[in-house]
């Protein structure tokens, strides 16, 4: 009898529940909306970026990885669109970004003013203008969070040193002309390269590329009759295939070094002509994200502006190239676990962030990989 009563009560309760759901659809719908809202991104970050080369592909891949592991969305505006920087910034503002990671040095004062007007924060990475008058116009803004710069001096010395270690006696330094603020970094690189080479009593010649792909700079070097055995450029390539460079200069053993990678870099390492290339600085996207994510959790309150310097990775062989691709491109420079740890550490200061900036090298990455393997 008791069992029958319990069964009847259960049926009554079930029928009542079904009737409630049928005749109260709004309550059900409202709950689903709340659940959907809980999945919305807490933070939207814009990235004002230049280029769709190998570096660009790494940046996009790292942003995708971060989106998969954190409650964040990235919006991109790239210089490949051929638009004025302010138009690209407006594109990001229209996407309702909370902060912008900027890699451009052009129009920075105007960019900061636009961010101020829209209450959007800005973090500069890689480069800043070297003109102090420009710096003074934006660096004091409360919406300018600071910068994580690249150590151009150290990278320049390392590239020049690689050429010298391969016996180069006469080296040409090829650079973009110092015409606009956004290419000042090329002059900085060229100055450091020439300084390091000359201090070793080797010959160093500086030539500007004014026409980029159409520039006859290699022909010009050949016409001057210089017996060059090394070329280094402040860009990511010489805008000429290796075979053409060898033919024009009449030297099949010419040694090359450059900033950033190209699809031909691995083959040129294999051939023994490319002896050094800087790369890996898409790691700063992870560091910048961590800092912005932390600030968003404390209502963007900070004591002082960030001012850090981060090293490039310097590849010197095909083995270095393959390790880099495996560790920093096919996977990521910093895993989600490392980024999460970094975000948590920022509650106590920027020590761990500074450590990541100051200890970024192939040796450190190999040690990290070794320790991970031991834990498995």
Protein backbone atom coordinates (compact mmCIF):
# COMPACT_ATOMS: atom_id res chain seq x y z
CA UNK A 1 0.00 0.00 0.00
CA UNK A 2 2.82 2.37 0.93
CA UNK A 3 4.68 1.57 -2.29
CA UNK A 4 1.55 2.38 -4.34
CA UNK A 5 1.19 5.70 -2.50
CA UNK A 6 4.82 6.66 -3.17
CA UNK A 7 4.47 5.80 -6.85
CA UNK A 8 1.29 7.88 -7.14
CA UNK A 9 2.96 10.86 -5.46
CA UNK A 10 5.93 10.58 -7.83
CA UNK A 11 3.61 10.56 -10.84
CA UNK A 12 1.76 13.62 -9.53
CA UNK A 13 5.04 15.49 -9.02
CA UNK A 14 6.30 14.57 -12.49
CA UNK A 15 3.06 15.64 -14.16
CA UNK A 16 3.13 18.92 -12.24
CA UNK A 17 6.72 19.58 -13.32
CA UNK A 18 5.90 18.91 -16.98
CA UNK A 19 2.87 21.19 -16.81
CA UNK A 20 5.01 23.96 -15.30
CA UNK A 21 7.54 23.71 -18.11
CA UNK A 22 4.82 23.68 -20.77
CA UNK A 23 2.84 26.63 -19.44
CA UNK A 24 5.84 28.75 -18.29
CA UNK A 25 8.13 28.90 -21.36
CA UNK A 26 9.49 32.34 -20.43
CA UNK A 27 11.07 31.07 -17.23
CA UNK A 28 12.83 28.31 -19.18
CA UNK A 29 14.02 30.73 -21.88
CA UNK A 30 15.30 33.23 -19.32
CA UNK A 31 17.44 30.60 -17.66
CA UNK A 32 19.03 29.64 -20.98
CA UNK A 33 19.84 33.28 -21.69
CA UNK A 34 21.59 33.59 -18.33
CA UNK A 35 23.64 30.50 -19.08
CA UNK A 36 24.62 31.88 -22.48
CA UNK A 37 25.62 35.21 -20.95
CA UNK A 38 27.91 33.37 -18.56
CA UNK A 39 29.91 32.12 -21.54
CA UNK A 40 30.58 35.57 -22.98
CA UNK A 41 34.17 36.84 -23.06
CA UNK A 42 35.28 38.85 -20.04
CA UNK A 43 37.95 40.66 -22.04
CA UNK A 44 38.34 41.75 -25.66
CA UNK A 45 41.83 42.71 -26.80
CA UNK A 46 42.64 44.42 -30.08
CA UNK A 47 45.97 43.90 -31.79
CA UNK A 48 47.18 46.59 -34.18
CA UNK A 49 49.61 44.58 -36.24
CA UNK A 50 51.70 44.76 -39.39
CA UNK A 51 52.10 41.94 -41.84
CA UNK A 52 50.92 38.49 -42.74
CA UNK A 53 54.35 36.87 -42.96
CA UNK A 54 55.72 33.98 -40.85
CA UNK A 55 55.78 36.20 -37.78
CA UNK A 56 52.17 37.24 -38.40
CA UNK A 57 51.09 33.61 -38.72
CA UNK A 58 52.73 32.86 -35.36
CA UNK A 59 50.97 35.82 -33.72
CA UNK A 60 47.56 34.72 -35.06
CA UNK A 61 48.17 31.12 -33.95
CA UNK A 62 49.16 32.22 -30.44
CA UNK A 63 46.06 34.41 -30.15
CA UNK A 64 43.88 31.45 -31.21
CA UNK A 65 45.58 29.26 -28.61
CA UNK A 66 44.99 31.82 -25.85
CA UNK A 67 41.32 32.20 -26.85
CA UNK A 68 40.86 28.43 -26.47
CA UNK A 69 42.14 28.47 -22.90
CA UNK A 70 41.03 31.81 -21.47
CA UNK A 71 37.85 33.87 -21.44
CA UNK A 72 39.18 36.39 -23.95
CA UNK A 73 38.61 37.41 -27.56
CA UNK A 74 41.16 38.98 -29.91
CA UNK A 75 40.37 41.43 -32.69
CA UNK A 76 43.02 42.17 -35.35
CA UNK A 77 43.69 45.16 -37.57
CA UNK A 78 46.67 44.66 -39.88
CA UNK A 79 48.68 47.02 -42.04
CA UNK A 80 48.20 44.68 -44.96
CA UNK A 81 44.76 46.26 -45.31
CA UNK A 82 46.52 49.36 -46.64
CA UNK A 83 44.60 51.67 -44.32
CA UNK A 84 45.63 54.69 -42.32
CA UNK A 85 46.61 53.65 -38.75
CA UNK A 86 43.78 55.71 -37.29
CA UNK A 87 41.25 53.90 -39.49
CA UNK A 88 42.58 50.59 -38.21
CA UNK A 89 42.39 51.78 -34.62
CA UNK A 90 38.79 52.83 -35.21
CA UNK A 91 38.08 49.32 -36.50
CA UNK A 92 39.25 47.96 -33.15
CA UNK A 93 37.28 50.55 -31.18
CA UNK A 94 34.13 49.69 -33.15
CA UNK A 95 34.67 46.09 -32.03
CA UNK A 96 34.38 47.32 -28.42
CA UNK A 97 37.84 46.24 -27.35
CA UNK A 98 38.87 46.85 -23.75
CA UNK A 99 42.55 47.28 -24.56
CA UNK A 100 44.87 47.39 -27.56
CA UNK A 101 48.24 45.72 -28.02
CA UNK A 102 50.05 47.97 -30.47
CA UNK A 103 53.11 47.04 -32.56
CA UNK A 104 53.11 50.20 -34.67
CA UNK A 105 55.21 53.25 -33.87
CA UNK A 106 53.41 55.46 -36.37
CA UNK A 107 50.87 58.04 -35.16
CA UNK A 108 51.29 56.98 -31.54
CA UNK A 109 50.25 60.32 -29.96
CA UNK A 110 47.05 60.38 -32.05
CA UNK A 111 46.44 56.72 -31.25
CA UNK A 112 46.67 57.37 -27.51
CA UNK A 113 44.36 60.37 -27.80
CA UNK A 114 41.78 58.18 -29.54
CA UNK A 115 42.13 55.55 -26.83
CA UNK A 116 41.65 58.20 -24.14
CA UNK A 117 38.47 59.46 -25.80
CA UNK A 118 37.07 55.92 -25.89
CA UNK A 119 38.45 54.82 -22.48
CA UNK A 120 40.47 52.02 -24.04
CA UNK A 121 43.89 51.05 -22.67
CA UNK A 122 47.02 50.71 -24.79
CA UNK A 123 50.08 48.51 -24.29
CA UNK A 124 52.99 49.01 -26.69
CA UNK A 125 55.13 46.04 -27.71
CA UNK A 126 58.27 45.44 -29.80
CA UNK A 127 59.15 49.03 -30.77
CA UNK A 128 58.58 52.65 -29.78
CA UNK A 129 59.58 55.88 -31.55
CA UNK A 130 63.04 57.12 -30.64
CA UNK A 131 61.98 60.75 -30.99
CA UNK A 132 61.72 62.17 -27.44
CA UNK A 133 59.25 64.83 -28.57
CA UNK A 134 56.88 62.10 -29.73
CA UNK A 135 57.39 60.16 -26.51
CA UNK A 136 56.43 63.12 -24.35
CA UNK A 137 53.13 63.50 -26.22
CA UNK A 138 51.72 60.12 -25.18
CA UNK A 139 53.76 58.48 -22.44
CA UNK A 140 52.06 60.46 -19.66
CA UNK A 141 48.54 59.32 -20.53
CA UNK A 142 46.74 57.27 -17.88
CA UNK A 143 45.48 55.03 -20.71
CA UNK A 144 49.03 54.24 -21.83
CA UNK A 145 49.99 51.18 -19.77
CA UNK A 146 53.63 50.95 -20.77
CA UNK A 147 55.74 48.81 -23.05
CA UNK A 148 57.50 45.48 -23.58
CA UNK A 149 60.30 46.27 -25.99
CA UNK A 150 62.69 44.10 -27.98
CA UNK A 151 66.40 44.25 -27.28
CA UNK A 152 67.53 45.45 -30.70
CA UNK A 153 71.07 46.17 -29.52
CA UNK A 154 71.72 42.65 -28.27
CA UNK A 155 70.15 41.02 -31.34
CA UNK A 156 72.22 43.21 -33.68
CA UNK A 157 75.41 42.27 -31.88
CA UNK A 158 74.52 38.57 -31.98
CA UNK A 159 73.83 38.63 -35.73
CA UNK A 160 77.08 40.48 -36.43
CA UNK A 161 79.00 38.15 -34.15
CA UNK A 162 77.66 35.10 -36.03
CA UNK A 163 79.04 36.48 -39.31
CA UNK A 164 82.41 37.23 -37.72
CA UNK A 165 82.55 33.76 -36.17
CA UNK A 166 82.17 32.33 -39.68
CA UNK A 167 85.27 34.21 -40.80
CA UNK A 168 83.62 37.15 -42.55
CA UNK A 169 86.05 40.03 -43.14
CA UNK A 170 83.98 42.44 -45.25
CA UNK A 171 80.30 42.80 -44.35
CA UNK A 172 77.58 44.94 -45.90
CA UNK A 173 74.77 46.16 -43.64
CA UNK A 174 71.57 46.70 -45.63
CA UNK A 175 68.85 48.77 -43.99
CA UNK A 176 65.66 50.72 -44.63
CA UNK A 177 66.26 54.48 -44.95
CA UNK A 178 65.65 56.55 -41.82
CA UNK A 179 62.74 58.51 -43.28
CA UNK A 180 59.72 57.94 -41.02
CA UNK A 181 59.42 57.22 -37.33
CA UNK A 182 58.08 53.74 -37.97
CA UNK A 183 61.35 52.70 -39.62
CA UNK A 184 63.64 54.26 -37.00
CA UNK A 185 64.19 50.77 -35.65
CA UNK A 186 66.05 49.90 -38.85
CA UNK A 187 68.55 52.70 -38.25
CA UNK A 188 68.99 51.57 -34.64
CA UNK A 189 69.72 48.03 -35.81
CA UNK A 190 72.09 49.22 -38.55
CA UNK A 191 73.99 51.50 -36.16
CA UNK A 192 74.52 48.67 -33.66
CA UNK A 193 75.55 46.21 -36.40
CA UNK A 194 78.13 48.60 -37.86
CA UNK A 195 79.40 49.58 -34.41
CA UNK A 196 80.02 45.97 -33.41
CA UNK A 197 81.70 45.04 -36.70
CA UNK A 198 83.98 48.08 -36.75
CA UNK A 199 85.07 47.50 -33.16
CA UNK A 200 86.50 44.18 -34.35
CA UNK A 201 88.55 46.01 -37.03
CA UNK A 202 86.53 44.45 -39.85
CA UNK A 203 85.12 46.32 -42.83
CA UNK A 204 81.48 47.36 -42.59
CA UNK A 205 79.54 49.12 -45.33
CA UNK A 206 76.03 50.51 -44.83
CA UNK A 207 73.56 50.75 -47.72
CA UNK A 208 69.92 51.85 -47.56
CA UNK A 209 67.20 50.06 -49.49
CA UNK A 210 65.01 52.81 -50.88
CA UNK A 211 62.88 50.81 -53.29
CA UNK A 212 62.55 47.57 -51.33
CA UNK A 213 61.76 44.73 -53.79
CA UNK A 214 62.85 46.77 -56.81
CA UNK A 215 66.07 47.98 -55.24
CA UNK A 216 69.30 47.15 -57.12
CA UNK A 217 71.24 47.20 -53.86
CA UNK A 218 73.00 43.87 -54.51
CA UNK A 219 74.04 45.04 -57.98
CA UNK A 220 75.28 48.30 -56.47
CA UNK A 221 77.47 46.37 -54.05
CA UNK A 222 78.89 44.28 -56.89
CA UNK A 223 79.61 47.37 -59.03
CA UNK A 224 81.62 48.90 -56.20
CA UNK A 225 84.02 45.98 -56.53
CA UNK A 226 83.98 45.11 -52.85
CA UNK A 227 85.04 41.58 -52.03
CA UNK A 228 82.11 40.92 -49.70
CA UNK A 229 81.86 37.69 -47.74
CA UNK A 230 78.95 38.66 -45.46
CA UNK A 231 75.57 40.37 -45.77
CA UNK A 232 73.24 41.36 -42.94
CA UNK A 233 69.91 43.15 -43.29
CA UNK A 234 67.71 44.84 -40.74
CA UNK A 235 64.70 43.30 -42.50
CA UNK A 236 63.64 39.67 -42.76
CA UNK A 237 65.17 39.09 -46.20
CA UNK A 238 67.24 40.68 -48.96
CA UNK A 239 64.33 40.75 -51.43
CA UNK A 240 66.40 38.54 -53.71
CA UNK A 241 66.75 34.71 -53.82
CA UNK A 242 70.01 33.34 -52.45
CA UNK A 243 71.06 32.05 -55.88
CA UNK A 244 70.75 35.55 -57.39
CA UNK A 245 72.80 37.07 -54.57
CA UNK A 246 75.51 34.45 -55.06
CA UNK A 247 75.57 35.01 -58.81
CA UNK A 248 75.62 38.82 -58.66
CA UNK A 249 78.38 38.95 -56.02
CA UNK A 250 80.29 36.03 -57.53
CA UNK A 251 80.53 34.25 -54.20
CA UNK A 252 78.70 30.96 -53.62
CA UNK A 253 79.88 30.91 -50.00
CA UNK A 254 78.43 34.32 -49.08
CA UNK A 255 77.20 34.31 -45.46
CA UNK A 256 73.87 35.89 -44.54
CA UNK A 257 72.18 37.10 -41.36
CA UNK A 258 68.85 38.87 -40.93
CA UNK A 259 66.01 39.77 -38.58
CA UNK A 260 62.93 37.49 -38.61
CA UNK A 261 62.34 34.39 -40.71
CA UNK A 262 61.14 33.68 -44.22
CA UNK A 263 59.93 30.43 -45.83
CA UNK A 264 63.43 30.11 -47.36
CA UNK A 265 65.26 30.37 -44.04
CA UNK A 266 65.45 26.65 -43.34
CA UNK A 267 66.85 25.85 -46.79
CA UNK A 268 69.42 28.62 -46.45
CA UNK A 269 70.48 27.23 -43.07
CA UNK A 270 70.80 23.81 -44.68
CA UNK A 271 73.00 25.21 -47.46
CA UNK A 272 75.27 26.83 -44.87
CA UNK A 273 74.77 30.37 -46.19
CA UNK A 274 72.38 31.64 -43.52
CA UNK A 275 74.32 31.73 -40.25
CA UNK A 276 71.95 33.66 -37.96
CA UNK A 277 68.38 34.95 -37.81
CA UNK A 278 66.44 36.60 -35.01
CA UNK A 279 62.89 35.46 -34.30
CA UNK A 280 60.51 34.29 -31.59
CA UNK A 281 59.13 37.63 -30.49
CA UNK A 282 55.52 36.53 -30.84
CA UNK A 283 56.13 35.31 -27.27
CA UNK A 284 55.47 38.91 -26.17
CA UNK A 285 51.84 38.52 -27.24
CA UNK A 286 51.45 35.96 -24.44
CA UNK A 287 53.20 38.21 -21.92
CA UNK A 288 51.14 41.24 -22.96
CA UNK A 289 47.91 39.25 -22.76
CA UNK A 290 48.75 38.06 -19.24
CA UNK A 291 49.39 41.62 -18.05
CA UNK A 292 46.19 42.96 -19.62
CA UNK A 293 44.13 40.06 -18.29
CA UNK A 294 45.44 40.70 -14.79
CA UNK A 295 44.72 44.45 -14.99
CA UNK A 296 41.17 43.74 -16.18
CA UNK A 297 40.54 41.80 -12.95
CA UNK A 298 41.57 44.79 -10.79
CA UNK A 299 39.66 47.44 -12.73
CA UNK A 300 42.77 48.61 -14.62
CA UNK A 301 44.47 50.00 -11.54
CA UNK A 302 48.27 50.05 -11.74
CA UNK A 303 51.04 51.70 -9.73
CA UNK A 304 53.50 52.43 -12.53
CA UNK A 305 53.80 51.94 -16.26
CA UNK A 306 55.31 48.72 -17.49
CA UNK A 307 58.79 49.14 -18.94
CA UNK A 308 60.42 45.83 -19.86
CA UNK A 309 62.93 44.61 -22.42
CA UNK A 310 62.71 41.16 -23.98
CA UNK A 311 65.35 39.30 -25.99
CA UNK A 312 64.96 37.81 -29.45
CA UNK A 313 65.71 34.17 -30.05
CA UNK A 314 68.77 33.80 -32.29
CA UNK A 315 68.83 30.77 -34.58
CA UNK A 316 72.25 29.66 -35.84
CA UNK A 317 71.60 26.30 -37.49
CA UNK A 318 68.94 24.12 -39.07
CA UNK A 319 68.76 22.25 -35.74
CA UNK A 320 67.94 25.53 -33.98
CA UNK A 321 65.33 26.25 -36.65
CA UNK A 322 63.61 22.88 -36.25
CA UNK A 323 63.63 23.15 -32.45
CA UNK A 324 62.15 26.65 -32.64
CA UNK A 325 59.36 25.55 -34.98
CA UNK A 326 58.52 22.61 -32.73
CA UNK A 327 58.66 24.55 -29.46
CA UNK A 328 57.36 28.00 -30.34
CA UNK A 329 55.24 27.58 -33.49
CA UNK A 330 53.81 24.06 -33.57
CA UNK A 331 53.25 24.42 -29.82
CA UNK A 332 53.54 27.79 -28.05
CA UNK A 333 56.29 29.80 -26.30
CA UNK A 334 54.31 29.74 -23.02
CA UNK A 335 51.64 27.16 -22.30
CA UNK A 336 48.22 27.98 -20.86
CA UNK A 337 49.47 26.69 -17.49
CA UNK A 338 52.45 29.06 -17.59
CA UNK A 339 50.27 32.01 -18.58
CA UNK A 340 47.81 31.20 -15.80
CA UNK A 341 50.68 31.05 -13.31
CA UNK A 342 51.96 34.38 -14.63
CA UNK A 343 48.57 36.04 -14.25
CA UNK A 344 48.30 34.84 -10.65
CA UNK A 345 51.84 36.02 -9.87
CA UNK A 346 51.04 39.58 -10.97
CA UNK A 347 48.99 40.06 -7.80
CA UNK A 348 52.37 40.14 -6.02
CA UNK A 349 54.34 42.15 -8.56
CA UNK A 350 55.98 41.80 -11.96
CA UNK A 351 58.95 39.62 -10.93
CA UNK A 352 57.86 36.54 -12.87
CA UNK A 353 56.95 38.66 -15.91
CA UNK A 354 60.42 40.22 -15.78
CA UNK A 355 61.96 36.75 -15.46
CA UNK A 356 60.22 35.57 -18.62
CA UNK A 357 61.47 38.65 -20.48
CA UNK A 358 65.05 38.35 -19.26
CA UNK A 359 65.41 34.59 -19.68
CA UNK A 360 64.05 33.99 -23.15
CA UNK A 361 66.56 31.91 -25.07
CA UNK A 362 66.90 28.60 -26.88
CA UNK A 363 68.85 27.23 -23.91
CA UNK A 364 66.02 28.15 -21.54
CA UNK A 365 63.42 26.61 -23.85
CA UNK A 366 65.46 23.40 -24.10
CA UNK A 367 65.73 23.25 -20.31
CA UNK A 368 61.97 23.77 -19.96
CA UNK A 369 61.35 20.95 -22.43
CA UNK A 370 63.76 18.67 -20.54
CA UNK A 371 62.04 19.32 -17.22
CA UNK A 372 58.61 18.66 -18.75
CA UNK A 373 59.85 15.33 -20.09
CA UNK A 374 61.09 14.33 -16.63
CA UNK A 375 57.66 14.98 -15.11
CA UNK A 376 55.93 12.60 -17.52
